[in-house]
C-alpha atoms as a PDB file:
ATOM      1  CA  MET A   1       0.000   0.000   0.000  1.00  0.00           C
ATOM      2  CA  GLU A   2       1.047   3.614  -0.515  1.00  0.00           C
ATOM      3  CA  PRO A   3       2.353   5.152   2.714  1.00  0.00           C
ATOM      4  CA  LEU A   4       0.084   7.628   4.448  1.00  0.00           C
ATOM      5  CA  ARG A   5       2.024  10.865   4.825  1.00  0.00           C
ATOM      6  CA  ILE A   6       1.570  13.353   7.670  1.00  0.00           C
ATOM      7  CA  VAL A   7       3.559  16.575   8.031  1.00  0.00           C
ATOM      8  CA  HIS A   8       4.077  17.826  11.572  1.00  0.00           C
ATOM      9  CA  ILE A   9       4.827  21.524  12.054  1.00  0.00           C
ATOM     10  CA  SER A  10       4.906  23.608  15.200  1.00  0.00           C
ATOM     11  CA  ASP A  11       5.636  26.986  16.764  1.00  0.00           C
ATOM     12  CA  THR A  12       4.979  29.262  13.803  1.00  0.00           C
ATOM     13  CA  HIS A  13       4.830  32.294  16.144  1.00  0.00           C
ATOM     14  CA  PHE A  14       3.006  34.765  13.946  1.00  0.00           C
ATOM     15  CA  GLY A  15       3.737  38.221  15.312  1.00  0.00           C
ATOM     16  CA  ASP A  16       7.042  39.593  16.599  1.00  0.00           C
ATOM     17  CA  GLU A  17       8.974  36.328  16.164  1.00  0.00           C
ATOM     18  CA  PHE A  18       7.612  35.402  12.736  1.00  0.00           C
ATOM     19  CA  ARG A  19       9.920  34.985   9.709  1.00  0.00           C
ATOM     20  CA  PRO A  20       7.626  35.078   6.667  1.00  0.00           C
ATOM     21  CA  GLU A  21      10.268  33.990   4.136  1.00  0.00           C
ATOM     22  CA  LYS A  22      10.841  30.741   6.052  1.00  0.00           C
ATOM     23  CA  PHE A  23       7.131  30.094   6.296  1.00  0.00           C
ATOM     24  CA  LYS A  24       6.514  30.643   2.573  1.00  0.00           C
ATOM     25  CA  LYS A  25       9.338  28.316   1.563  1.00  0.00           C
ATOM     26  CA  ALA A  26       8.087  25.639   3.956  1.00  0.00           C
ATOM     27  CA  VAL A  27       4.542  25.886   2.604  1.00  0.00           C
ATOM     28  CA  LYS A  28       5.779  25.307  -0.963  1.00  0.00           C
ATOM     29  CA  GLN A  29       7.738  22.262   0.176  1.00  0.00           C
ATOM     30  CA  ILE A  30       4.792  20.846   2.131  1.00  0.00           C
ATOM     31  CA  ASN A  31       2.399  21.301  -0.787  1.00  0.00           C
ATOM     32  CA  ALA A  32       4.839  19.440  -3.038  1.00  0.00           C
ATOM     33  CA  LEU A  33       4.765  16.491  -0.590  1.00  0.00           C
ATOM     34  CA  GLU A  34       0.944  16.286  -0.861  1.00  0.00           C
ATOM     35  CA  PRO A  35       0.440  14.954   2.675  1.00  0.00           C
ATOM     36  CA  GLU A  36      -2.895  13.564   3.840  1.00  0.00           C
ATOM     37  CA  LEU A  37      -2.758  15.881   6.837  1.00  0.00           C
ATOM     38  CA  VAL A  38      -0.688  18.729   8.251  1.00  0.00           C
ATOM     39  CA  ILE A  39      -0.595  18.847  12.054  1.00  0.00           C
ATOM     40  CA  LEU A  40       0.325  22.082  13.815  1.00  0.00           C
ATOM     41  CA  SER A  41       1.111  21.421  17.475  1.00  0.00           C
ATOM     42  CA  GLY A  42       0.619  24.872  18.935  1.00  0.00           C
ATOM     43  CA  ASP A  43       2.114  28.338  19.333  1.00  0.00           C
ATOM     44  CA  ILE A  44       0.494  29.664  16.204  1.00  0.00           C
ATOM     45  CA  ALA A  45       0.784  33.142  17.702  1.00  0.00           C
ATOM     46  CA  THR A  46       3.307  34.955  19.896  1.00  0.00           C
ATOM     47  CA  TRP A  47       1.183  37.173  22.152  1.00  0.00           C
ATOM     48  CA  GLY A  48      -2.252  35.619  21.672  1.00  0.00           C
ATOM     49  CA  ILE A  49      -3.721  38.742  20.065  1.00  0.00           C
ATOM     50  CA  HIS A  50      -6.310  38.911  17.313  1.00  0.00           C
ATOM     51  CA  ARG A  51      -4.067  40.212  14.528  1.00  0.00           C
ATOM     52  CA  GLU A  52      -1.663  37.272  14.947  1.00  0.00           C
ATOM     53  CA  PHE A  53      -4.431  34.686  14.628  1.00  0.00           C
ATOM     54  CA  ARG A  54      -5.965  36.488  11.649  1.00  0.00           C
ATOM     55  CA  ASP A  55      -2.602  36.621   9.869  1.00  0.00           C
ATOM     56  CA  ALA A  56      -1.993  32.956  10.683  1.00  0.00           C
ATOM     57  CA  TYR A  57      -5.397  31.920   9.346  1.00  0.00           C
ATOM     58  CA  GLU A  58      -4.796  33.737   6.057  1.00  0.00           C
ATOM     59  CA  ALA A  59      -1.247  32.390   5.634  1.00  0.00           C
ATOM     60  CA  LEU A  60      -2.110  28.790   6.615  1.00  0.00           C
ATOM     61  CA  ALA A  61      -4.837  28.800   3.963  1.00  0.00           C
ATOM     62  CA  ASP A  62      -2.013  28.439   1.403  1.00  0.00           C
ATOM     63  CA  ILE A  63      -1.423  24.882   2.658  1.00  0.00           C
ATOM     64  CA  LYS A  64      -3.454  22.651   0.358  1.00  0.00           C
ATOM     65  CA  SER A  65      -3.766  19.690   2.731  1.00  0.00           C
ATOM     66  CA  GLU A  66      -6.224  19.409   5.600  1.00  0.00           C
ATOM     67  CA  LEU A  67      -5.019  21.090   8.792  1.00  0.00           C
ATOM     68  CA  PHE A  68      -5.250  19.757  12.343  1.00  0.00           C
ATOM     69  CA  ILE A  69      -4.308  22.423  14.902  1.00  0.00           C
ATOM     70  CA  VAL A  70      -4.071  22.522  18.717  1.00  0.00           C
ATOM     71  CA  PRO A  71      -3.105  25.571  20.805  1.00  0.00           C
ATOM     72  CA  GLY A  72       0.164  26.301  22.576  1.00  0.00           C
ATOM     73  CA  ASN A  73       1.080  28.362  25.620  1.00  0.00           C
ATOM     74  CA  HIS A  74       1.645  31.526  23.544  1.00  0.00           C
ATOM     75  CA  ASP A  75      -1.829  31.128  22.028  1.00  0.00           C
ATOM     76  CA  ALA A  76      -3.303  31.164  25.547  1.00  0.00           C
ATOM     77  CA  ARG A  77      -1.757  34.526  26.416  1.00  0.00           C
ATOM     78  CA  ASN A  78      -4.041  37.550  26.782  1.00  0.00           C
ATOM     79  CA  ASP A  79      -7.227  35.465  26.500  1.00  0.00           C
ATOM     80  CA  GLY A  80      -6.040  34.344  23.071  1.00  0.00           C
ATOM     81  CA  LEU A  81      -7.888  31.030  23.038  1.00  0.00           C
ATOM     82  CA  LYS A  82     -11.076  32.849  22.057  1.00  0.00           C
ATOM     83  CA  TYR A  83      -9.339  33.904  18.842  1.00  0.00           C
ATOM     84  CA  PHE A  84      -7.981  30.396  18.386  1.00  0.00           C
ATOM     85  CA  ARG A  85     -11.569  29.099  18.514  1.00  0.00           C
ATOM     86  CA  LEU A  86     -12.724  31.846  16.156  1.00  0.00           C
ATOM     87  CA  TYR A  87     -10.302  30.828  13.400  1.00  0.00           C
ATOM     88  CA  PHE A  88      -9.333  27.211  14.099  1.00  0.00           C
ATOM     89  CA  GLY A  89     -12.260  25.673  15.959  1.00  0.00           C
ATOM     90  CA  ASP A  90     -12.319  23.696  19.170  1.00  0.00           C
ATOM     91  CA  VAL A  91      -9.150  23.392  21.243  1.00  0.00           C
ATOM     92  CA  LYS A  92      -9.886  19.647  21.592  1.00  0.00           C
ATOM     93  CA  LYS A  93     -10.595  17.589  18.475  1.00  0.00           C
ATOM     94  CA  SER A  94     -10.165  14.195  16.832  1.00  0.00           C
ATOM     95  CA  ILE A  95     -10.155  12.669  13.354  1.00  0.00           C
ATOM     96  CA  ARG A  96      -9.491   9.263  11.822  1.00  0.00           C
ATOM     97  CA  LEU A  97      -7.302   8.588   8.770  1.00  0.00           C
ATOM     98  CA  ASP A  98      -7.569   4.956   7.700  1.00  0.00           C
ATOM     99  CA  ASP A  99      -6.279   3.055  10.759  1.00  0.00           C
ATOM    100  CA  ILE A 100      -4.797   6.125  12.451  1.00  0.00           C
ATOM    101  CA  ILE A 101      -6.823   7.796  15.199  1.00  0.00           C
ATOM    102  CA  ILE A 102      -5.632  11.329  15.973  1.00  0.00           C
ATOM    103  CA  ALA A 103      -6.728  13.049  19.176  1.00  0.00           C
ATOM    104  CA  GLY A 104      -5.626  16.606  19.912  1.00  0.00           C
ATOM    105  CA  VAL A 105      -5.890  18.224  23.340  1.00  0.00           C
ATOM    106  CA  ASN A 106      -5.403  21.649  24.860  1.00  0.00           C
ATOM    107  CA  SER A 107      -2.404  21.510  27.203  1.00  0.00           C
ATOM    108  CA  THR A 108      -2.321  25.240  27.929  1.00  0.00           C
ATOM    109  CA  LEU A 109      -2.985  27.271  31.061  1.00  0.00           C
ATOM    110  CA  PRO A 110      -3.957  30.949  30.718  1.00  0.00           C
ATOM    111  CA  ASP A 111      -0.923  33.261  30.719  1.00  0.00           C
ATOM    112  CA  SER A 112       1.399  30.444  31.813  1.00  0.00           C
ATOM    113  CA  ASP A 113       4.217  28.558  30.113  1.00  0.00           C
ATOM    114  CA  ASP A 114       3.358  25.426  32.088  1.00  0.00           C
ATOM    115  CA  GLY A 115       1.156  22.728  30.620  1.00  0.00           C
ATOM    116  CA  TYR A 116      -1.743  20.708  31.985  1.00  0.00           C
ATOM    117  CA  VAL A 117      -4.059  18.249  30.241  1.00  0.00           C
ATOM    118  CA  GLY A 118      -6.342  17.281  33.127  1.00  0.00           C
ATOM    119  CA  GLU A 119      -8.459  14.234  33.850  1.00  0.00           C
ATOM    120  CA  GLU A 120     -11.432  15.180  31.649  1.00  0.00           C
ATOM    121  CA  GLN A 121      -9.328  15.438  28.480  1.00  0.00           C
ATOM    122  CA  ARG A 122      -7.270  12.406  29.448  1.00  0.00           C
ATOM    123  CA  ARG A 123     -10.393  10.235  29.784  1.00  0.00           C
ATOM    124  CA  TRP A 124     -11.714  11.632  26.500  1.00  0.00           C
ATOM    125  CA  VAL A 125      -8.521  10.565  24.713  1.00  0.00           C
ATOM    126  CA  GLU A 126      -8.637   7.100  26.279  1.00  0.00           C
ATOM    127  CA  LYS A 127     -12.168   6.593  24.930  1.00  0.00           C
ATOM    128  CA  LYS A 128     -11.097   7.701  21.439  1.00  0.00           C
ATOM    129  CA  PHE A 129      -8.157   5.307  21.161  1.00  0.00           C
ATOM    130  CA  ARG A 130      -8.524   1.726  19.906  1.00  0.00           C
ATOM    131  CA  ASN A 131      -6.211  -1.248  20.456  1.00  0.00           C
ATOM    132  CA  SER A 132      -6.315  -2.235  16.787  1.00  0.00           C
ATOM    133  CA  CYS A 133      -5.351   1.223  15.473  1.00  0.00           C
ATOM    134  CA  ILE A 134      -2.325   3.477  15.446  1.00  0.00           C
ATOM    135  CA  ASN A 135      -3.218   5.980  18.162  1.00  0.00           C
ATOM    136  CA  MET A 136      -1.781   9.476  17.889  1.00  0.00           C
ATOM    137  CA  LEU A 137      -1.946  12.117  20.621  1.00  0.00           C
ATOM    138  CA  VAL A 138      -1.251  15.724  19.633  1.00  0.00           C
ATOM    139  CA  LEU A 139      -0.527  18.399  22.228  1.00  0.00           C
ATOM    140  CA  HIS A 140       1.814  21.350  22.602  1.00  0.00           C
ATOM    141  CA  HIS A 141       3.798  20.637  25.762  1.00  0.00           C
ATOM    142  CA  HIS A 142       6.288  17.807  25.999  1.00  0.00           C
ATOM    143  CA  VAL A 143       5.412  14.841  28.201  1.00  0.00           C
ATOM    144  CA  ILE A 144       9.085  14.154  28.984  1.00  0.00           C
ATOM    145  CA  PRO A 145      11.959  16.664  29.058  1.00  0.00           C
ATOM    146  CA  VAL A 146      13.637  17.537  25.764  1.00  0.00           C
ATOM    147  CA  PRO A 147      17.452  17.652  25.875  1.00  0.00           C
ATOM    148  CA  HIS A 148      19.594  20.295  24.171  1.00  0.00           C
ATOM    149  CA  THR A 149      17.096  23.067  24.881  1.00  0.00           C
ATOM    150  CA  GLY A 150      19.112  24.942  27.497  1.00  0.00           C
ATOM    151  CA  ARG A 151      16.549  24.140  30.204  1.00  0.00           C
ATOM    152  CA  ASN A 152      14.224  21.240  30.779  1.00  0.00           C
ATOM    153  CA  ARG A 153      11.346  23.075  32.402  1.00  0.00           C
ATOM    154  CA  ASN A 154       7.727  23.426  31.294  1.00  0.00           C
ATOM    155  CA  VAL A 155       6.942  19.744  31.179  1.00  0.00           C
ATOM    156  CA  LEU A 156       3.272  19.006  31.797  1.00  0.00           C
ATOM    157  CA  ILE A 157       2.197  19.437  35.402  1.00  0.00           C
ATOM    158  CA  ASP A 158       0.359  16.113  35.115  1.00  0.00           C
ATOM    159  CA  ALA A 159       3.092  14.456  33.038  1.00  0.00           C
ATOM    160  CA  GLY A 160       3.056  11.332  35.225  1.00  0.00           C
ATOM    161  CA  GLU A 161      -0.639  10.726  34.622  1.00  0.00           C
ATOM    162  CA  ILE A 162      -0.266  11.365  30.889  1.00  0.00           C
ATOM    163  CA  VAL A 163       2.692   8.982  30.613  1.00  0.00           C
ATOM    164  CA  GLU A 164       0.743   6.229  32.398  1.00  0.00           C
ATOM    165  CA  SER A 165      -2.288   6.853  30.211  1.00  0.00           C
ATOM    166  CA  LEU A 166      -0.119   6.575  27.098  1.00  0.00           C
ATOM    167  CA  MET A 167       1.368   3.297  28.270  1.00  0.00           C
ATOM    168  CA  LEU A 168      -2.075   1.899  29.071  1.00  0.00           C
ATOM    169  CA  HIS A 169      -3.964   3.147  26.017  1.00  0.00           C
ATOM    170  CA  CYS A 170      -1.579   4.459  23.337  1.00  0.00           C
ATOM    171  CA  HIS A 171       0.753   1.466  22.977  1.00  0.00           C
ATOM    172  CA  GLY A 172       1.841   1.158  19.385  1.00  0.00           C
ATOM    173  CA  GLY A 173       1.081   4.848  18.970  1.00  0.00           C
ATOM    174  CA  VAL A 174       2.661   8.239  18.518  1.00  0.00           C
ATOM    175  CA  VAL A 175       2.757  11.508  20.473  1.00  0.00           C
ATOM    176  CA  LEU A 176       3.364  14.747  18.580  1.00  0.00           C
ATOM    177  CA  ALA A 177       4.378  17.893  20.478  1.00  0.00           C
ATOM    178  CA  GLY A 178       6.291  21.130  20.066  1.00  0.00           C
ATOM    179  CA  HIS A 179       7.045  23.957  22.532  1.00  0.00           C
ATOM    180  CA  ARG A 180      10.844  23.828  22.901  1.00  0.00           C
ATOM    181  CA  HIS A 181      11.808  24.740  19.283  1.00  0.00           C
ATOM    182  CA  VAL A 182      13.974  21.604  19.088  1.00  0.00           C
ATOM    183  CA  PRO A 183      13.083  18.520  17.042  1.00  0.00           C
ATOM    184  CA  TYR A 184      13.606  15.309  18.960  1.00  0.00           C
ATOM    185  CA  SER A 185      12.216  11.803  19.140  1.00  0.00           C
ATOM    186  CA  THR A 186      12.386   9.011  21.670  1.00  0.00           C
ATOM    187  CA  LYS A 187      10.488   5.873  22.580  1.00  0.00           C
ATOM    188  CA  LEU A 188       8.544   5.294  25.766  1.00  0.00           C
ATOM    189  CA  LEU A 189       8.044   1.532  25.824  1.00  0.00           C
ATOM    190  CA  ARG A 190       5.922   1.069  22.667  1.00  0.00           C
ATOM    191  CA  THR A 191       4.841   4.703  22.264  1.00  0.00           C
ATOM    192  CA  HIS A 192       6.906   6.968  20.004  1.00  0.00           C
ATOM    193  CA  ILE A 193       7.261  10.562  21.236  1.00  0.00           C
ATOM    194  CA  ILE A 194       8.138  13.067  18.512  1.00  0.00           C
ATOM    195  CA  HIS A 195       8.792  16.776  18.913  1.00  0.00           C
ATOM    196  CA  ALA A 196       8.836  19.333  16.144  1.00  0.00           C
ATOM    197  CA  GLY A 197      11.087  22.361  16.136  1.00  0.00           C
ATOM    198  CA  THR A 198       9.933  25.784  15.038  1.00  0.00           C
ATOM    199  CA  LEU A 199       8.732  26.291  11.473  1.00  0.00           C
ATOM    200  CA  SER A 200       9.088  30.060  11.309  1.00  0.00           C
ATOM    201  CA  SER A 201      10.250  31.695  14.554  1.00  0.00           C
ATOM    202  CA  TYR A 202      13.602  33.443  14.662  1.00  0.00           C
ATOM    203  CA  LYS A 203      14.154  31.678  17.990  1.00  0.00           C
ATOM    204  CA  VAL A 204      15.582  28.537  16.420  1.00  0.00           C
ATOM    205  CA  LEU A 205      17.830  26.190  18.396  1.00  0.00           C
ATOM    206  CA  MET A 206      18.933  24.110  15.392  1.00  0.00           C
ATOM    207  CA  PRO A 207      20.817  24.801  12.142  1.00  0.00           C
ATOM    208  CA  ASP A 208      17.581  26.009  10.554  1.00  0.00           C
ATOM    209  CA  GLN A 209      13.810  26.176  10.910  1.00  0.00           C
ATOM    210  CA  ASN A 210      12.348  22.724  10.374  1.00  0.00           C
ATOM    211  CA  TYR A 211       9.421  20.294  10.391  1.00  0.00           C
ATOM    212  CA  ASN A 212       8.754  16.542  10.565  1.00  0.00           C
ATOM    213  CA  ILE A 213       7.542  14.161   7.862  1.00  0.00           C
ATOM    214  CA  LEU A 214       5.930  10.887   8.962  1.00  0.00           C
ATOM    215  CA  GLU A 215       5.061   8.110   6.515  1.00  0.00           C
ATOM    216  CA  PHE A 216       2.928   5.246   7.830  1.00  0.00           C
ATOM    217  CA  ASN A 217       2.110   1.797   6.578  1.00  0.00           C
ATOM    218  CA  GLU A 218       0.556  -1.120   8.475  1.00  0.00           C
ATOM    219  CA  GLU A 219       3.690  -2.283  10.292  1.00  0.00           C
ATOM    220  CA  PHE A 220       6.049   0.684  10.602  1.00  0.00           C
ATOM    221  CA  PHE A 221       6.531   4.373   9.979  1.00  0.00           C
ATOM    222  CA  ARG A 222       9.425   6.462   8.732  1.00  0.00           C
ATOM    223  CA  LEU A 223      10.399   9.740  10.369  1.00  0.00           C
ATOM    224  CA  LYS A 224      12.244  12.440   8.453  1.00  0.00           C
ATOM    225  CA  LEU A 225      13.412  15.854   9.597  1.00  0.00           C
ATOM    226  CA  ARG A 226      13.203  18.543   6.926  1.00  0.00           C
ATOM    227  CA  PHE A 227      15.123  21.788   7.252  1.00  0.00           C
ATOM    228  CA  VAL A 228      13.583  24.662   5.323  1.00  0.00           C
ATOM    229  CA  GLU A 229      16.916  25.657   3.744  1.00  0.00           C
ATOM    230  CA  HIS A 230      19.204  22.653   4.218  1.00  0.00           C
ATOM    231  CA  GLY A 231      17.401  19.561   3.011  1.00  0.00           C
ATOM    232  CA  GLU A 232      16.095  16.384   4.579  1.00  0.00           C
ATOM    233  CA  ILE A 233      17.581  14.008   7.138  1.00  0.00           C
ATOM    234  CA  GLY A 234      16.252  10.503   7.739  1.00  0.00           C
ATOM    235  CA  ILE A 235      15.717   9.911  11.452  1.00  0.00           C
ATOM    236  CA  GLY A 236      14.662   6.277  11.290  1.00  0.00           C
ATOM    237  CA  ARG A 237      12.255   3.498  10.474  1.00  0.00           C
ATOM    238  CA  PHE A 238      10.221   2.403  13.499  1.00  0.00           C
ATOM    239  CA  ALA A 239       8.127  -0.730  13.945  1.00  0.00           C
ATOM    240  CA  ILE A 240       4.588  -0.337  15.221  1.00  0.00           C
ATOM    241  CA  LYS A 241       4.029  -2.890  17.968  1.00  0.00           C
ATOM    242  CA  HIS A 242       0.638  -3.066  19.606  1.00  0.00           C
ATOM    243  CA  GLY A 243       0.125  -4.392  23.086  1.00  0.00           C
ATOM    244  CA  MET A 244       0.962  -3.214  26.577  1.00  0.00           C
ATOM    245  CA  PRO A 245       3.804  -4.394  28.816  1.00  0.00           C
ATOM    246  CA  GLU A 246       2.328  -6.383  31.711  1.00  0.00           C
ATOM    247  CA  ALA A 247       4.266  -4.456  34.356  1.00  0.00           C
ATOM    248  CA  ILE A 248       2.360  -1.249  33.609  1.00  0.00           C
ATOM    249  CA  SER A 249      -1.034  -2.860  34.142  1.00  0.00           C
ATOM    250  CA  ILE A 250       0.181  -4.361  37.437  1.00  0.00           C
ATOM    251  CA  TYR A 251       1.373  -1.022  38.820  1.00  0.00           C
ATOM    252  CA  HIS A 252      -1.788   0.696  37.598  1.00  0.00           C
ATOM    253  CA  SER A 253      -3.969  -1.894  39.304  1.00  0.00           C
ATOM    254  CA  LEU A 254      -2.046  -1.652  42.579  1.00  0.00           C
ATOM    255  CA  THR A 255      -2.461   2.129  42.772  1.00  0.00           C
ATOM    256  CA  SER A 256      -6.130   2.160  41.734  1.00  0.00           C
ATOM    257  CA  THR A 257      -8.983   2.215  44.229  1.00  0.00           C
ATOM    258  CA  LYS A 258     -11.237  -0.843  44.445  1.00  0.00           C
ATOM    259  CA  ARG A 259     -14.912  -0.593  45.273  1.00  0.00           C
ATOM    260  CA  VAL A 260     -16.890  -3.649  46.416  1.00  0.00           C
ATOM    261  CA  LEU A 261     -20.676  -3.593  46.417  1.00  0.00           C
ATOM    262  CA  PHE A 262     -22.756  -5.935  48.574  1.00  0.00           C
ATOM    263  CA  VAL A 263     -26.274  -6.366  47.139  1.00  0.00           C
ATOM    264  CA  ALA A 264     -28.911  -7.754  49.519  1.00  0.00           C
ATOM    265  CA  THR A 265     -32.446  -7.249  50.763  1.00  0.00           C
ATOM    266  CA  ASP A 266     -31.163  -8.097  54.263  1.00  0.00           C
ATOM    267  CA  VAL A 267     -29.340  -4.793  54.668  1.00  0.00           C
ATOM    268  CA  GLU A 268     -28.225  -5.412  58.242  1.00  0.00           C
ATOM    269  CA  ARG A 269     -26.519  -8.692  57.339  1.00  0.00           C
ATOM    270  CA  ALA A 270     -24.842  -7.165  54.300  1.00  0.00           C
ATOM    271  CA  ARG A 271     -23.598  -4.185  56.340  1.00  0.00           C
ATOM    272  CA  GLY A 272     -21.983  -6.578  58.774  1.00  0.00           C
ATOM    273  CA  MET A 273     -20.043  -8.174  55.920  1.00  0.00           C
ATOM    274  CA  ALA A 274     -19.108  -4.785  54.472  1.00  0.00           C
ATOM    275  CA  ASP A 275     -17.803  -3.697  57.894  1.00  0.00           C
ATOM    276  CA  VAL A 276     -15.581  -6.776  58.048  1.00  0.00           C
ATOM    277  CA  PHE A 277     -14.301  -6.063  54.546  1.00  0.00           C
ATOM    278  CA  ASN A 278     -13.511  -2.438  55.415  1.00  0.00           C
ATOM    279  CA  ARG A 279     -11.665  -3.578  58.549  1.00  0.00           C
ATOM    280  CA  LEU A 280      -9.537  -6.196  56.772  1.00  0.00           C
ATOM    281  CA  SER A 281      -8.939  -4.606  53.377  1.00  0.00           C
ATOM    282  CA  PRO A 282      -6.048  -2.291  52.319  1.00  0.00           C
ATOM    283  CA  GLU A 283      -6.354   1.478  52.313  1.00  0.00           C
ATOM    284  CA  ASN A 284      -7.339   1.656  48.643  1.00  0.00           C
ATOM    285  CA  MET A 285     -10.440  -0.560  49.020  1.00  0.00           C
ATOM    286  CA  HIS A 286     -13.926   0.115  50.341  1.00  0.00           C
ATOM    287  CA  ALA A 287     -17.203  -1.817  50.529  1.00  0.00           C
ATOM    288  CA  SER A 288     -20.744  -0.473  50.627  1.00  0.00           C
ATOM    289  CA  VAL A 289     -24.264  -1.928  50.596  1.00  0.00           C
ATOM    290  CA  VAL A 290     -27.238  -1.476  48.279  1.00  0.00           C
ATOM    291  CA  THR A 291     -30.613  -3.164  47.930  1.00  0.00           C
ATOM    292  CA  PRO A 292     -31.626  -4.710  44.573  1.00  0.00           C
ATOM    293  CA  ASP A 293     -34.523  -2.273  44.201  1.00  0.00           C
ATOM    294  CA  ASN A 294     -32.455   0.868  44.763  1.00  0.00           C
ATOM    295  CA  ARG A 295     -33.196   3.498  42.101  1.00  0.00           C
ATOM    296  CA  ARG A 296     -29.477   4.100  41.579  1.00  0.00           C
ATOM    297  CA  ILE A 297     -28.562   0.423  41.272  1.00  0.00           C
ATOM    298  CA  ARG A 298     -27.328   0.699  37.663  1.00  0.00           C
ATOM    299  CA  GLU A 299     -25.111   3.659  38.443  1.00  0.00           C
ATOM    300  CA  LEU A 300     -23.706   1.948  41.531  1.00  0.00           C
ATOM    301  CA  LEU A 301     -23.018  -1.256  39.650  1.00  0.00           C
ATOM    302  CA  THR A 302     -21.138   0.663  36.957  1.00  0.00           C
ATOM    303  CA  GLY A 303     -18.801   2.146  39.548  1.00  0.00           C
ATOM    304  CA  ALA A 304     -18.143  -1.151  41.337  1.00  0.00           C
ATOM    305  CA  ASP A 305     -15.063  -3.313  40.762  1.00  0.00           C
ATOM    306  CA  TYR A 306     -16.665  -6.387  42.349  1.00  0.00           C
ATOM    307  CA  VAL A 307     -20.278  -7.218  43.236  1.00  0.00           C
ATOM    308  CA  VAL A 308     -21.210  -9.703  45.960  1.00  0.00           C
ATOM    309  CA  ALA A 309     -24.872 -10.720  46.272  1.00  0.00           C
ATOM    310  CA  LEU A 310     -26.492 -12.513  49.221  1.00  0.00           C
ATOM    311  CA  GLU A 311     -29.233 -13.847  46.970  1.00  0.00           C
ATOM    312  CA  ASP A 312     -29.714 -14.508  43.253  1.00  0.00           C
ATOM    313  CA  PHE A 313     -28.703 -11.406  41.313  1.00  0.00           C
ATOM    314  CA  LYS A 314     -27.771 -11.493  37.630  1.00  0.00           C
ATOM    315  CA  ASN A 315     -25.083  -8.791  37.823  1.00  0.00           C
ATOM    316  CA  ALA A 316     -23.184 -10.373  40.715  1.00  0.00           C
ATOM    317  CA  ASP A 317     -19.562 -11.497  40.398  1.00  0.00           C
ATOM    318  CA  ASP A 318     -20.169 -13.907  43.286  1.00  0.00           C
ATOM    319  CA  VAL A 319     -23.108 -15.045  45.435  1.00  0.00           C
ATOM    320  CA  TRP A 320     -22.584 -15.750  49.128  1.00  0.00           C
ATOM    321  CA  LYS A 321     -24.981 -17.473  51.447  1.00  0.00           C
ATOM    322  CA  ALA A 322     -26.537 -14.985  53.849  1.00  0.00           C
ATOM    323  CA  ASP A 323     -26.346 -17.370  56.806  1.00  0.00           C
ATOM    324  CA  ILE A 324     -22.632 -18.245  56.690  1.00  0.00           C
ATOM    325  CA  GLY A 325     -20.757 -17.865  59.973  1.00  0.00           C
ATOM    326  CA  GLU A 326     -18.357 -15.129  60.999  1.00  0.00           C
ATOM    327  CA  LYS A 327     -15.218 -17.226  60.402  1.00  0.00           C
ATOM    328  CA  GLU A 328     -16.406 -18.154  56.923  1.00  0.00           C
ATOM    329  CA  VAL A 329     -17.218 -14.498  56.180  1.00  0.00           C
ATOM    330  CA  GLU A 330     -13.717 -13.455  57.238  1.00  0.00           C
ATOM    331  CA  LYS A 331     -12.136 -16.226  55.143  1.00  0.00           C
ATOM    332  CA  LYS A 332     -14.107 -15.261  52.028  1.00  0.00           C
ATOM    333  CA  ILE A 333     -13.285 -11.594  52.506  1.00  0.00           C
ATOM    334  CA  ARG A 334      -9.549 -12.299  52.819  1.00  0.00           C
ATOM    335  CA  GLU A 335      -9.780 -14.340  49.621  1.00  0.00           C
ATOM    336  CA  LEU A 336     -11.627 -11.481  47.908  1.00  0.00           C
ATOM    337  CA  VAL A 337      -9.002  -8.933  49.007  1.00  0.00           C
ATOM    338  CA  GLU A 338      -6.278 -11.188  47.633  1.00  0.00           C
ATOM    339  CA  LYS A 339      -8.159 -11.501  44.336  1.00  0.00           C
ATOM    340  CA  LEU A 340      -8.610  -7.745  44.001  1.00  0.00           C
ATOM    341  CA  LEU A 341      -4.901  -7.211  44.689  1.00  0.00           C
ATOM    342  CA  ARG A 342      -3.834  -9.763  42.100  1.00  0.00           C
ATOM    343  CA  ASP A 343      -6.341  -9.057  39.325  1.00  0.00           C
ATOM    344  CA  VAL A 344      -4.990  -6.677  36.672  1.00  0.00           C
END
């Protein structure tokens, strides 16, 4: 099959930092490549003011391919995200190209260089990704420090949570980011993390302004770095391996909370069992009681990691006899705690 080509640009910095001659040359080169998609990973503007976004919108219209754009920290200055939305749409978006799912998030904080994705966006990305696809996350800030930038600050505030989420849900995938004006790539287990330099800012920390070219097929992708004035350099050919290392799921399970739900019409008896569970279980576990006819039963079942019923109940993971003795209750609860600790 023909490779699917994506061009990754970043940090155009329309405004005081912008070098129009570099931008125009890059646009001609990109159009000649005829990519399926051009991804811009933030810092369209410099000060987040209207004129910068308007100029960017008009200039980016010269790119013939479809654009996929997320904001950067400079775009969030001076309430600039309202202008981002005016010209480039939502700050959070997703598309699918063949077997590639691309999810872009807003990692900015108003008037701050620091980045933060947050739980709501993180869960949204996790729902978008599929095990059978190449999953691509696009954001502005880097999830791990970028060397050769003079300082390694401005990593995401919630970088740890993002890294774990990538390892759990983005295995076999790609992360595209910008921010530091230095192109770089590394591998985090089975997730490839790729940074773009600046396309058109005079603040360039490389021999020249530059952008990335990614070419995908079913089993691997090629990464090339293109300098606007000095040609193309092949970075490498990387296999796409789906699947998650077992160690990550074990650690994730051990740090997650576990909720046990006892379902019974005999509430007093069930509460006694729940009290024993809460006394014997680790700090990250808790048991509660609900009756089968509770109006919120569906919601409560959805939030439960394990359901014990004291009578026939179709959604139960296990059914215990209501009249078992205290020693048997304690034995079964210790076995359940062990199961919840070991299950991943």
